Amino acid sequence: MSEINKREEGFEKKFALDEEQKFKAEARRNRLLGLWAAEKLGITGEAATAYAKEVVAADFEEAGDADVLRKLMADFATKSVVVTEQAIRAKMSELLAVAAAEVKAGK
């Protein structure tokens, strides 16, 4: 195998690993976000865990974070919990950093 092919293969493996870690971090962020939202909604215990799974599942509806944001905004509105879109986005950014560090650490 030539040096160029080895280098190309290395880049492809790195890209695949980066994408896998990004996916895991976003899923973990959504789970943490779901637990945070559950607390705000007064959901506890097993119901909070189930709600967090719903938030993770909501992210598979479309690319990007809009589907998760839409779910949370609707759920907060249904329970008359006042949380702004900006507050949710800030929490998403905060939890993504936490989740990425956890994934990188192998947790």
N, C-alpha and C. Protein backbone atom coordinates (compact mmCIF):
# COMPACT_ATOMS: atom_id res chain seq x y z
N MET A 1 0.85 -1.17 0.00
CA MET A 1 0.00 0.00 0.00
C MET A 1 0.89 1.24 0.00
N SER A 2 0.59 2.17 -0.83
CA SER A 2 1.42 3.37 -0.92
C SER A 2 1.18 4.28 0.28
N GLU A 3 2.09 5.17 0.49
CA GLU A 3 2.01 6.12 1.60
C GLU A 3 0.75 6.98 1.50
N ILE A 4 0.39 7.36 0.30
CA ILE A 4 -0.82 8.18 0.10
C ILE A 4 -2.07 7.39 0.49
N ASN A 5 -2.13 6.12 0.09
CA ASN A 5 -3.29 5.29 0.45
C ASN A 5 -3.39 5.10 1.96
N LYS A 6 -2.25 4.91 2.62
CA LYS A 6 -2.24 4.75 4.08
C LYS A 6 -2.74 6.03 4.76
N ARG A 7 -2.26 7.14 4.25
CA ARG A 7 -2.67 8.43 4.82
C ARG A 7 -4.17 8.65 4.62
N GLU A 8 -4.66 8.35 3.42
CA GLU A 8 -6.08 8.50 3.12
C GLU A 8 -6.92 7.60 4.03
N GLU A 9 -6.48 6.37 4.21
CA GLU A 9 -7.20 5.44 5.08
C GLU A 9 -7.21 5.95 6.53
N GLY A 10 -6.10 6.52 6.94
CA GLY A 10 -6.03 7.10 8.29
C GLY A 10 -7.01 8.25 8.47
N PHE A 11 -7.12 9.11 7.47
CA PHE A 11 -8.06 10.22 7.53
C PHE A 11 -9.51 9.71 7.57
N GLU A 12 -9.78 8.68 6.79
CA GLU A 12 -11.14 8.12 6.77
C GLU A 12 -11.50 7.52 8.12
N LYS A 13 -10.57 6.82 8.74
CA LYS A 13 -10.83 6.24 10.06
C LYS A 13 -11.04 7.33 11.10
N LYS A 14 -10.25 8.37 11.03
CA LYS A 14 -10.38 9.49 11.98
C LYS A 14 -11.73 10.16 11.80
N PHE A 15 -12.12 10.38 10.56
CA PHE A 15 -13.41 11.00 10.28
C PHE A 15 -14.55 10.15 10.84
N ALA A 16 -14.49 8.84 10.61
CA ALA A 16 -15.54 7.94 11.10
C ALA A 16 -15.60 7.96 12.62
N LEU A 17 -14.46 7.96 13.28
CA LEU A 17 -14.42 8.01 14.74
C LEU A 17 -14.98 9.34 15.24
N ASP A 18 -14.61 10.43 14.61
CA ASP A 18 -15.12 11.75 15.01
C ASP A 18 -16.64 11.82 14.87
N GLU A 19 -17.15 11.29 13.77
CA GLU A 19 -18.60 11.31 13.55
C GLU A 19 -19.33 10.45 14.58
N GLU A 20 -18.75 9.30 14.91
CA GLU A 20 -19.36 8.42 15.92
C GLU A 20 -19.38 9.11 17.28
N GLN A 21 -18.28 9.76 17.64
CA GLN A 21 -18.23 10.47 18.92
C GLN A 21 -19.20 11.65 18.94
N LYS A 22 -19.35 12.33 17.82
CA LYS A 22 -20.29 13.45 17.73
C LYS A 22 -21.72 12.93 17.93
N PHE A 23 -22.06 11.82 17.29
CA PHE A 23 -23.39 11.23 17.43
C PHE A 23 -23.65 10.84 18.88
N LYS A 24 -22.69 10.17 19.50
CA LYS A 24 -22.84 9.74 20.89
C LYS A 24 -22.98 10.94 21.82
N ALA A 25 -22.20 11.98 21.58
CA ALA A 25 -22.26 13.18 22.42
C ALA A 25 -23.61 13.87 22.28
N GLU A 26 -24.14 13.96 21.07
CA GLU A 26 -25.45 14.59 20.89
C GLU A 26 -26.56 13.78 21.54
N ALA A 27 -26.49 12.45 21.43
CA ALA A 27 -27.49 11.61 22.08
C ALA A 27 -27.41 11.75 23.60
N ARG A 28 -26.19 11.77 24.13
CA ARG A 28 -26.02 11.94 25.58
C ARG A 28 -26.49 13.33 26.01
N ARG A 29 -26.17 14.34 25.21
CA ARG A 29 -26.65 15.69 25.52
C ARG A 29 -28.17 15.73 25.58
N ASN A 30 -28.81 15.05 24.63
CA ASN A 30 -30.27 15.04 24.61
C ASN A 30 -30.85 14.31 25.82
N ARG A 31 -30.17 13.25 26.26
CA ARG A 31 -30.64 12.54 27.46
C ARG A 31 -30.52 13.46 28.68
N LEU A 32 -29.37 14.13 28.81
CA LEU A 32 -29.18 15.06 29.92
C LEU A 32 -30.17 16.22 29.84
N LEU A 33 -30.43 16.69 28.64
CA LEU A 33 -31.39 17.76 28.43
C LEU A 33 -32.79 17.30 28.83
N GLY A 34 -33.12 16.06 28.49
CA GLY A 34 -34.41 15.50 28.86
C GLY A 34 -34.58 15.40 30.37
N LEU A 35 -33.51 15.02 31.06
CA LEU A 35 -33.56 14.95 32.53
C LEU A 35 -33.72 16.35 33.14
N TRP A 36 -33.03 17.32 32.56
CA TRP A 36 -33.16 18.71 33.00
C TRP A 36 -34.58 19.21 32.80
N ALA A 37 -35.13 18.95 31.61
CA ALA A 37 -36.50 19.38 31.30
C ALA A 37 -37.51 18.66 32.19
N ALA A 38 -37.28 17.38 32.44
CA ALA A 38 -38.18 16.61 33.30
C ALA A 38 -38.26 17.25 34.69
N GLU A 39 -37.12 17.67 35.19
CA GLU A 39 -37.10 18.34 36.50
C GLU A 39 -37.94 19.61 36.47
N LYS A 40 -37.78 20.39 35.41
CA LYS A 40 -38.55 21.63 35.27
C LYS A 40 -40.05 21.34 35.16
N LEU A 41 -40.37 20.20 34.54
CA LEU A 41 -41.78 19.82 34.35
C LEU A 41 -42.37 19.09 35.56
N GLY A 42 -41.54 18.85 36.58
CA GLY A 42 -42.02 18.16 37.77
C GLY A 42 -42.13 16.65 37.59
N ILE A 43 -41.39 16.11 36.63
CA ILE A 43 -41.39 14.67 36.37
C ILE A 43 -40.20 14.06 37.11
N THR A 44 -40.43 12.99 37.85
CA THR A 44 -39.36 12.38 38.64
C THR A 44 -39.29 10.87 38.41
N GLY A 45 -38.23 10.27 38.94
CA GLY A 45 -38.08 8.82 38.93
C GLY A 45 -38.02 8.21 37.54
N GLU A 46 -38.69 7.07 37.42
CA GLU A 46 -38.71 6.34 36.15
C GLU A 46 -39.36 7.16 35.04
N ALA A 47 -40.34 7.97 35.41
CA ALA A 47 -41.01 8.81 34.41
C ALA A 47 -40.03 9.82 33.81
N ALA A 48 -39.10 10.32 34.63
CA ALA A 48 -38.09 11.27 34.14
C ALA A 48 -37.15 10.58 33.17
N THR A 49 -36.77 9.34 33.49
CA THR A 49 -35.91 8.57 32.60
C THR A 49 -36.61 8.29 31.28
N ALA A 50 -37.88 7.94 31.36
CA ALA A 50 -38.67 7.69 30.14
C ALA A 50 -38.80 8.97 29.32
N TYR A 51 -39.01 10.09 29.99
CA TYR A 51 -39.12 11.37 29.27
C TYR A 51 -37.80 11.71 28.57
N ALA A 52 -36.68 11.46 29.25
CA ALA A 52 -35.37 11.72 28.63
C ALA A 52 -35.20 10.89 27.37
N LYS A 53 -35.69 9.66 27.39
CA LYS A 53 -35.62 8.81 26.19
C LYS A 53 -36.48 9.37 25.07
N GLU A 54 -37.62 9.98 25.42
CA GLU A 54 -38.47 10.62 24.41
C GLU A 54 -37.74 11.78 23.75
N VAL A 55 -36.99 12.53 24.55
CA VAL A 55 -36.23 13.67 24.01
C VAL A 55 -35.15 13.16 23.06
N VAL A 56 -34.47 12.09 23.43
CA VAL A 56 -33.45 11.50 22.56
C VAL A 56 -34.11 11.06 21.25
N ALA A 57 -35.25 10.40 21.33
CA ALA A 57 -35.96 9.90 20.14
C ALA A 57 -36.43 11.05 19.25
N ALA A 58 -36.78 12.18 19.86
CA ALA A 58 -37.26 13.33 19.09
C ALA A 58 -36.19 13.85 18.14
N ASP A 59 -34.92 13.63 18.49
CA ASP A 59 -33.83 14.15 17.67
C ASP A 59 -33.70 13.41 16.34
N PHE A 60 -34.36 12.28 16.19
CA PHE A 60 -34.27 11.50 14.95
C PHE A 60 -35.30 11.92 13.92
N GLU A 61 -36.14 12.91 14.25
CA GLU A 61 -37.18 13.35 13.33
C GLU A 61 -36.61 14.12 12.14
N GLU A 62 -35.60 14.93 12.38
CA GLU A 62 -34.98 15.72 11.31
C GLU A 62 -33.57 16.09 11.72
N ALA A 63 -32.78 16.53 10.78
CA ALA A 63 -31.40 16.92 11.07
C ALA A 63 -31.40 18.21 11.89
N GLY A 64 -30.43 18.32 12.75
CA GLY A 64 -30.29 19.52 13.57
C GLY A 64 -31.03 19.41 14.88
N ASP A 65 -31.04 20.51 15.61
CA ASP A 65 -31.63 20.54 16.95
C ASP A 65 -33.07 21.05 16.98
N ALA A 66 -33.61 21.46 15.85
CA ALA A 66 -34.94 22.07 15.83
C ALA A 66 -36.02 21.13 16.36
N ASP A 67 -35.91 19.84 16.07
CA ASP A 67 -36.92 18.89 16.52
C ASP A 67 -36.92 18.74 18.04
N VAL A 68 -35.76 18.72 18.65
CA VAL A 68 -35.65 18.63 20.11
C VAL A 68 -36.17 19.92 20.74
N LEU A 69 -35.75 21.04 20.19
CA LEU A 69 -36.20 22.33 20.70
C LEU A 69 -37.72 22.45 20.62
N ARG A 70 -38.29 22.04 19.50
CA ARG A 70 -39.74 22.10 19.31
C ARG A 70 -40.47 21.23 20.34
N LYS A 71 -39.96 20.03 20.60
CA LYS A 71 -40.58 19.14 21.58
C LYS A 71 -40.56 19.78 22.96
N LEU A 72 -39.40 20.28 23.37
CA LEU A 72 -39.30 20.88 24.70
C LEU A 72 -40.20 22.10 24.84
N MET A 73 -40.20 22.96 23.83
CA MET A 73 -41.05 24.16 23.88
C MET A 73 -42.53 23.77 24.01
N ALA A 74 -42.95 22.76 23.26
CA ALA A 74 -44.34 22.30 23.32
C ALA A 74 -44.66 21.70 24.68
N ASP A 75 -43.76 20.90 25.21
CA ASP A 75 -43.98 20.27 26.51
C ASP A 75 -44.02 21.31 27.63
N PHE A 76 -43.13 22.29 27.56
CA PHE A 76 -43.15 23.36 28.56
C PHE A 76 -44.44 24.17 28.46
N ALA A 77 -44.87 24.46 27.25
CA ALA A 77 -46.12 25.22 27.05
C ALA A 77 -47.32 24.45 27.59
N THR A 78 -47.37 23.14 27.36
CA THR A 78 -48.47 22.31 27.82
C THR A 78 -48.60 22.36 29.34
N LYS A 79 -47.46 22.38 30.03
CA LYS A 79 -47.46 22.40 31.50
C LYS A 79 -47.37 23.81 32.07
N SER A 80 -47.44 24.82 31.19
CA SER A 80 -47.35 26.23 31.58
C SER A 80 -46.05 26.54 32.34
N VAL A 81 -44.97 25.92 31.90
CA VAL A 81 -43.65 26.18 32.46
C VAL A 81 -42.97 27.19 31.53
N VAL A 82 -42.55 28.30 32.10
CA VAL A 82 -41.96 29.37 31.30
C VAL A 82 -40.45 29.15 31.20
N VAL A 83 -40.01 28.75 30.01
CA VAL A 83 -38.59 28.60 29.69
C VAL A 83 -38.43 29.13 28.27
N THR A 84 -37.53 30.07 28.10
CA THR A 84 -37.36 30.68 26.78
C THR A 84 -36.56 29.77 25.85
N GLU A 85 -36.71 30.01 24.57
CA GLU A 85 -35.93 29.29 23.57
C GLU A 85 -34.44 29.52 23.80
N GLN A 86 -34.08 30.75 24.16
CA GLN A 86 -32.68 31.06 24.40
C GLN A 86 -32.13 30.27 25.59
N ALA A 87 -32.95 30.08 26.62
CA ALA A 87 -32.52 29.32 27.79
C ALA A 87 -32.31 27.85 27.42
N ILE A 88 -33.19 27.32 26.59
CA ILE A 88 -33.05 25.93 26.15
C ILE A 88 -31.78 25.78 25.30
N ARG A 89 -31.58 26.71 24.38
CA ARG A 89 -30.38 26.64 23.52
C ARG A 89 -29.10 26.76 24.36
N ALA A 90 -29.11 27.62 25.37
CA ALA A 90 -27.94 27.77 26.25
C ALA A 90 -27.69 26.46 27.00
N LYS A 91 -28.75 25.83 27.49
CA LYS A 91 -28.62 24.56 28.20
C LYS A 91 -28.11 23.48 27.25
N MET A 92 -28.58 23.50 26.00
CA MET A 92 -28.11 22.54 25.00
C MET A 92 -26.60 22.68 24.80
N SER A 93 -26.12 23.89 24.68
CA SER A 93 -24.68 24.14 24.48
C SER A 93 -23.89 23.68 25.69
N GLU A 94 -24.38 24.03 26.87
CA GLU A 94 -23.71 23.65 28.11
C GLU A 94 -23.62 22.12 28.24
N LEU A 95 -24.74 21.45 27.98
CA LEU A 95 -24.77 20.00 28.13
C LEU A 95 -24.02 19.27 27.02
N LEU A 96 -23.91 19.89 25.84
CA LEU A 96 -23.13 19.28 24.77
C LEU A 96 -21.66 19.22 25.16
N ALA A 97 -21.17 20.26 25.81
CA ALA A 97 -19.78 20.27 26.27
C ALA A 97 -19.56 19.18 27.31
N VAL A 98 -20.51 19.03 28.24
CA VAL A 98 -20.42 17.99 29.26
C VAL A 98 -20.45 16.61 28.61
N ALA A 99 -21.39 16.41 27.70
CA ALA A 99 -21.55 15.11 27.04
C ALA A 99 -20.33 14.76 26.20
N ALA A 100 -19.79 15.73 25.47
CA ALA A 100 -18.61 15.48 24.64
C ALA A 100 -17.43 15.06 25.49
N ALA A 101 -17.26 15.72 26.65
CA ALA A 101 -16.17 15.36 27.56
C ALA A 101 -16.36 13.94 28.10
N GLU A 102 -17.60 13.59 28.43
CA GLU A 102 -17.89 12.24 28.93
C GLU A 102 -17.61 11.19 27.86
N VAL A 103 -18.03 11.46 26.63
CA VAL A 103 -17.80 10.50 25.54
C VAL A 103 -16.31 10.34 25.29
N LYS A 104 -15.61 11.44 25.28
CA LYS A 104 -14.16 11.40 25.04
C LYS A 104 -13.45 10.63 26.15
N ALA A 105 -13.97 10.75 27.38
CA ALA A 105 -13.37 10.04 28.52
C ALA A 105 -13.77 8.57 28.56
N GLY A 106 -14.70 8.20 27.68
CA GLY A 106 -15.12 6.81 27.62
C GLY A 106 -16.16 6.42 28.65
N LYS A 107 -16.87 7.40 29.16
CA LYS A 107 -17.91 7.13 30.16
C LYS A 107 -19.16 6.63 29.51
